[in-house]
């Protein structure tokens, strides 16, 4: 059977995939609305002239937005969903539960961006030096 791409605007299929990864988890979970807002934030941060320039760029969306107290004795986990841009739109790759990342400001907002080599080249070529 051929695997089909689940695009971020297919809320029903995306919800099913995320729920399968979350299992019985009730804290720091994802929903399609949160994911779509974060993907729009990623496009805004990157400010690309066209969607084709985003091809190969990956975005990790996670629900780790709060700071945990130092006395928290357990390993905090959140649901994390990985998306990749194929030149047309963001499609779902995988969802899993993983440890929280609290290192950077963007990470605290639930968004990590991994630009492809082509996207990095496009970004560098758009910088103009005087």
C-alpha atoms as a PDB file:
ATOM      1  CA  UNK A   1       0.000   0.000   0.000  1.00  0.00           C
ATOM      2  CA  UNK A   2       1.349   3.434  -0.951  1.00  0.00           C
ATOM      3  CA  UNK A   3       1.804   5.892   1.906  1.00  0.00           C
ATOM      4  CA  UNK A   4      -0.004   9.174   1.364  1.00  0.00           C
ATOM      5  CA  UNK A   5       1.197  12.580   2.497  1.00  0.00           C
ATOM      6  CA  UNK A   6      -0.846  14.168   5.257  1.00  0.00           C
ATOM      7  CA  UNK A   7      -0.856  17.909   4.642  1.00  0.00           C
ATOM      8  CA  UNK A   8      -1.237  20.310   7.553  1.00  0.00           C
ATOM      9  CA  UNK A   9      -4.637  21.497   6.288  1.00  0.00           C
ATOM     10  CA  UNK A  10      -6.068  17.940   6.510  1.00  0.00           C
ATOM     11  CA  UNK A  11      -7.211  18.313  10.134  1.00  0.00           C
ATOM     12  CA  UNK A  12      -8.951  14.949  10.458  1.00  0.00           C
ATOM     13  CA  UNK A  13      -5.961  12.850   9.328  1.00  0.00           C
ATOM     14  CA  UNK A  14      -3.552  15.034  11.290  1.00  0.00           C
ATOM     15  CA  UNK A  15      -5.608  14.654  14.471  1.00  0.00           C
ATOM     16  CA  UNK A  16      -5.627  10.874  14.067  1.00  0.00           C
ATOM     17  CA  UNK A  17      -1.837  10.741  13.620  1.00  0.00           C
ATOM     18  CA  UNK A  18      -1.148  13.015  16.586  1.00  0.00           C
ATOM     19  CA  UNK A  19      -3.583  11.152  18.862  1.00  0.00           C
ATOM     20  CA  UNK A  20      -1.853   7.870  18.024  1.00  0.00           C
ATOM     21  CA  UNK A  21       1.472   9.329  19.194  1.00  0.00           C
ATOM     22  CA  UNK A  22       0.023  10.897  22.349  1.00  0.00           C
ATOM     23  CA  UNK A  23      -1.621   7.762  23.661  1.00  0.00           C
ATOM     24  CA  UNK A  24      -3.001   8.526  27.131  1.00  0.00           C
ATOM     25  CA  UNK A  25      -1.072  11.797  27.557  1.00  0.00           C
ATOM     26  CA  UNK A  26      -3.107  14.764  28.772  1.00  0.00           C
ATOM     27  CA  UNK A  27      -0.420  17.429  29.323  1.00  0.00           C
ATOM     28  CA  UNK A  28       1.544  19.322  26.664  1.00  0.00           C
ATOM     29  CA  UNK A  29      -0.433  17.864  23.777  1.00  0.00           C
ATOM     30  CA  UNK A  30      -0.969  19.164  20.232  1.00  0.00           C
ATOM     31  CA  UNK A  31      -4.042  19.898  18.136  1.00  0.00           C
ATOM     32  CA  UNK A  32      -4.342  20.897  14.453  1.00  0.00           C
ATOM     33  CA  UNK A  33      -5.127  24.550  15.277  1.00  0.00           C
ATOM     34  CA  UNK A  34      -1.938  24.932  17.331  1.00  0.00           C
ATOM     35  CA  UNK A  35       0.057  23.220  14.563  1.00  0.00           C
ATOM     36  CA  UNK A  36      -1.329  25.438  11.789  1.00  0.00           C
ATOM     37  CA  UNK A  37      -0.553  28.616  13.766  1.00  0.00           C
ATOM     38  CA  UNK A  38       3.019  27.448  14.369  1.00  0.00           C
ATOM     39  CA  UNK A  39       3.527  26.561  10.684  1.00  0.00           C
ATOM     40  CA  UNK A  40       2.309  30.030   9.700  1.00  0.00           C
ATOM     41  CA  UNK A  41       4.770  31.469  12.248  1.00  0.00           C
ATOM     42  CA  UNK A  42       7.568  29.473  10.590  1.00  0.00           C
ATOM     43  CA  UNK A  43       6.713  30.909   7.170  1.00  0.00           C
ATOM     44  CA  UNK A  44       6.615  34.398   8.667  1.00  0.00           C
ATOM     45  CA  UNK A  45      10.021  33.928  10.312  1.00  0.00           C
ATOM     46  CA  UNK A  46      11.558  32.670   7.070  1.00  0.00           C
ATOM     47  CA  UNK A  47       9.896  35.353   4.867  1.00  0.00           C
ATOM     48  CA  UNK A  48      10.308  33.493   1.587  1.00  0.00           C
ATOM     49  CA  UNK A  49       9.304  35.037  -1.737  1.00  0.00           C
ATOM     50  CA  UNK A  50       7.831  31.738  -2.959  1.00  0.00           C
ATOM     51  CA  UNK A  51       6.775  28.381  -1.555  1.00  0.00           C
ATOM     52  CA  UNK A  52       9.221  26.568  -3.856  1.00  0.00           C
ATOM     53  CA  UNK A  53      12.095  28.208  -1.964  1.00  0.00           C
ATOM     54  CA  UNK A  54      10.933  26.417   1.206  1.00  0.00           C
ATOM     55  CA  UNK A  55      11.270  22.948  -0.356  1.00  0.00           C
ATOM     56  CA  UNK A  56      13.058  20.556   1.990  1.00  0.00           C
ATOM     57  CA  UNK A  57      12.762  22.803   5.050  1.00  0.00           C
ATOM     58  CA  UNK A  58      11.624  20.961   8.171  1.00  0.00           C
ATOM     59  CA  UNK A  59       9.752  22.335  11.149  1.00  0.00           C
ATOM     60  CA  UNK A  60       9.361  20.645  14.530  1.00  0.00           C
ATOM     61  CA  UNK A  61       6.230  21.800  16.349  1.00  0.00           C
ATOM     62  CA  UNK A  62       5.942  20.947  20.033  1.00  0.00           C
ATOM     63  CA  UNK A  63       3.838  21.962  22.982  1.00  0.00           C
ATOM     64  CA  UNK A  64       6.616  22.956  25.373  1.00  0.00           C
ATOM     65  CA  UNK A  65       5.744  26.528  26.172  1.00  0.00           C
ATOM     66  CA  UNK A  66       5.868  26.719  29.946  1.00  0.00           C
ATOM     67  CA  UNK A  67       8.873  26.823  32.257  1.00  0.00           C
ATOM     68  CA  UNK A  68       8.930  24.015  34.783  1.00  0.00           C
ATOM     69  CA  UNK A  69       9.914  24.602  38.419  1.00  0.00           C
ATOM     70  CA  UNK A  70      13.352  23.373  39.487  1.00  0.00           C
ATOM     71  CA  UNK A  71      11.701  21.033  42.002  1.00  0.00           C
ATOM     72  CA  UNK A  72       9.864  19.138  39.239  1.00  0.00           C
ATOM     73  CA  UNK A  73      11.159  15.593  39.811  1.00  0.00           C
ATOM     74  CA  UNK A  74       9.990  13.929  36.603  1.00  0.00           C
ATOM     75  CA  UNK A  75      11.173  14.004  33.014  1.00  0.00           C
ATOM     76  CA  UNK A  76       8.724  16.352  31.314  1.00  0.00           C
ATOM     77  CA  UNK A  77       7.578  15.300  27.856  1.00  0.00           C
ATOM     78  CA  UNK A  78       5.559  16.956  25.142  1.00  0.00           C
ATOM     79  CA  UNK A  79       4.069  15.856  21.848  1.00  0.00           C
ATOM     80  CA  UNK A  80       6.294  16.754  18.922  1.00  0.00           C
ATOM     81  CA  UNK A  81       5.207  16.759  15.276  1.00  0.00           C
ATOM     82  CA  UNK A  82       7.688  17.004  12.407  1.00  0.00           C
ATOM     83  CA  UNK A  83       6.670  18.614   9.099  1.00  0.00           C
ATOM     84  CA  UNK A  84       8.514  19.129   5.816  1.00  0.00           C
ATOM     85  CA  UNK A  85       7.742  21.528   2.984  1.00  0.00           C
ATOM     86  CA  UNK A  86       7.561  19.964  -0.499  1.00  0.00           C
ATOM     87  CA  UNK A  87       7.233  23.181  -2.488  1.00  0.00           C
ATOM     88  CA  UNK A  88       3.421  23.059  -2.304  1.00  0.00           C
ATOM     89  CA  UNK A  89       2.736  22.918   1.414  1.00  0.00           C
ATOM     90  CA  UNK A  90       3.705  21.452   4.770  1.00  0.00           C
ATOM     91  CA  UNK A  91       3.239  17.710   5.081  1.00  0.00           C
ATOM     92  CA  UNK A  92       3.345  15.567   8.194  1.00  0.00           C
ATOM     93  CA  UNK A  93       6.309  13.219   8.702  1.00  0.00           C
ATOM     94  CA  UNK A  94       5.983  11.899  12.265  1.00  0.00           C
ATOM     95  CA  UNK A  95       4.638  12.582  15.737  1.00  0.00           C
ATOM     96  CA  UNK A  96       6.110  11.364  18.993  1.00  0.00           C
ATOM     97  CA  UNK A  97       6.373  12.113  22.678  1.00  0.00           C
ATOM     98  CA  UNK A  98       9.754  13.521  23.660  1.00  0.00           C
ATOM     99  CA  UNK A  99      11.531  15.539  26.313  1.00  0.00           C
ATOM    100  CA  UNK A 100      10.956  19.272  26.441  1.00  0.00           C
ATOM    101  CA  UNK A 101      13.347  21.768  24.950  1.00  0.00           C
ATOM    102  CA  UNK A 102      13.612  25.025  26.870  1.00  0.00           C
ATOM    103  CA  UNK A 103      16.804  26.495  25.461  1.00  0.00           C
ATOM    104  CA  UNK A 104      15.725  29.319  23.139  1.00  0.00           C
ATOM    105  CA  UNK A 105      12.894  31.820  22.882  1.00  0.00           C
ATOM    106  CA  UNK A 106      11.538  30.263  19.667  1.00  0.00           C
ATOM    107  CA  UNK A 107      11.788  26.809  21.238  1.00  0.00           C
ATOM    108  CA  UNK A 108       9.652  28.010  24.146  1.00  0.00           C
ATOM    109  CA  UNK A 109       6.993  29.056  21.613  1.00  0.00           C
ATOM    110  CA  UNK A 110       6.854  25.488  20.300  1.00  0.00           C
ATOM    111  CA  UNK A 111       8.732  25.915  17.029  1.00  0.00           C
ATOM    112  CA  UNK A 112      12.090  24.705  15.733  1.00  0.00           C
ATOM    113  CA  UNK A 113      13.114  25.315  12.097  1.00  0.00           C
ATOM    114  CA  UNK A 114      15.639  23.251  10.139  1.00  0.00           C
ATOM    115  CA  UNK A 115      16.317  24.894   6.764  1.00  0.00           C
ATOM    116  CA  UNK A 116      17.369  22.706   3.822  1.00  0.00           C
ATOM    117  CA  UNK A 117      20.625  23.368   1.957  1.00  0.00           C
ATOM    118  CA  UNK A 118      18.721  24.940  -0.937  1.00  0.00           C
ATOM    119  CA  UNK A 119      16.805  27.166   1.479  1.00  0.00           C
ATOM    120  CA  UNK A 120      20.041  28.240   3.173  1.00  0.00           C
ATOM    121  CA  UNK A 121      21.576  29.124  -0.206  1.00  0.00           C
ATOM    122  CA  UNK A 122      18.482  31.142  -1.105  1.00  0.00           C
ATOM    123  CA  UNK A 123      18.648  32.919   2.242  1.00  0.00           C
ATOM    124  CA  UNK A 124      22.336  33.794   1.816  1.00  0.00           C
ATOM    125  CA  UNK A 125      21.866  34.977  -1.773  1.00  0.00           C
ATOM    126  CA  UNK A 126      19.112  37.352  -0.676  1.00  0.00           C
ATOM    127  CA  UNK A 127      21.448  39.170   1.736  1.00  0.00           C
ATOM    128  CA  UNK A 128      22.962  42.265   0.186  1.00  0.00           C
ATOM    129  CA  UNK A 129      26.222  43.653   1.449  1.00  0.00           C
ATOM    130  CA  UNK A 130      27.125  47.314   0.878  1.00  0.00           C
END
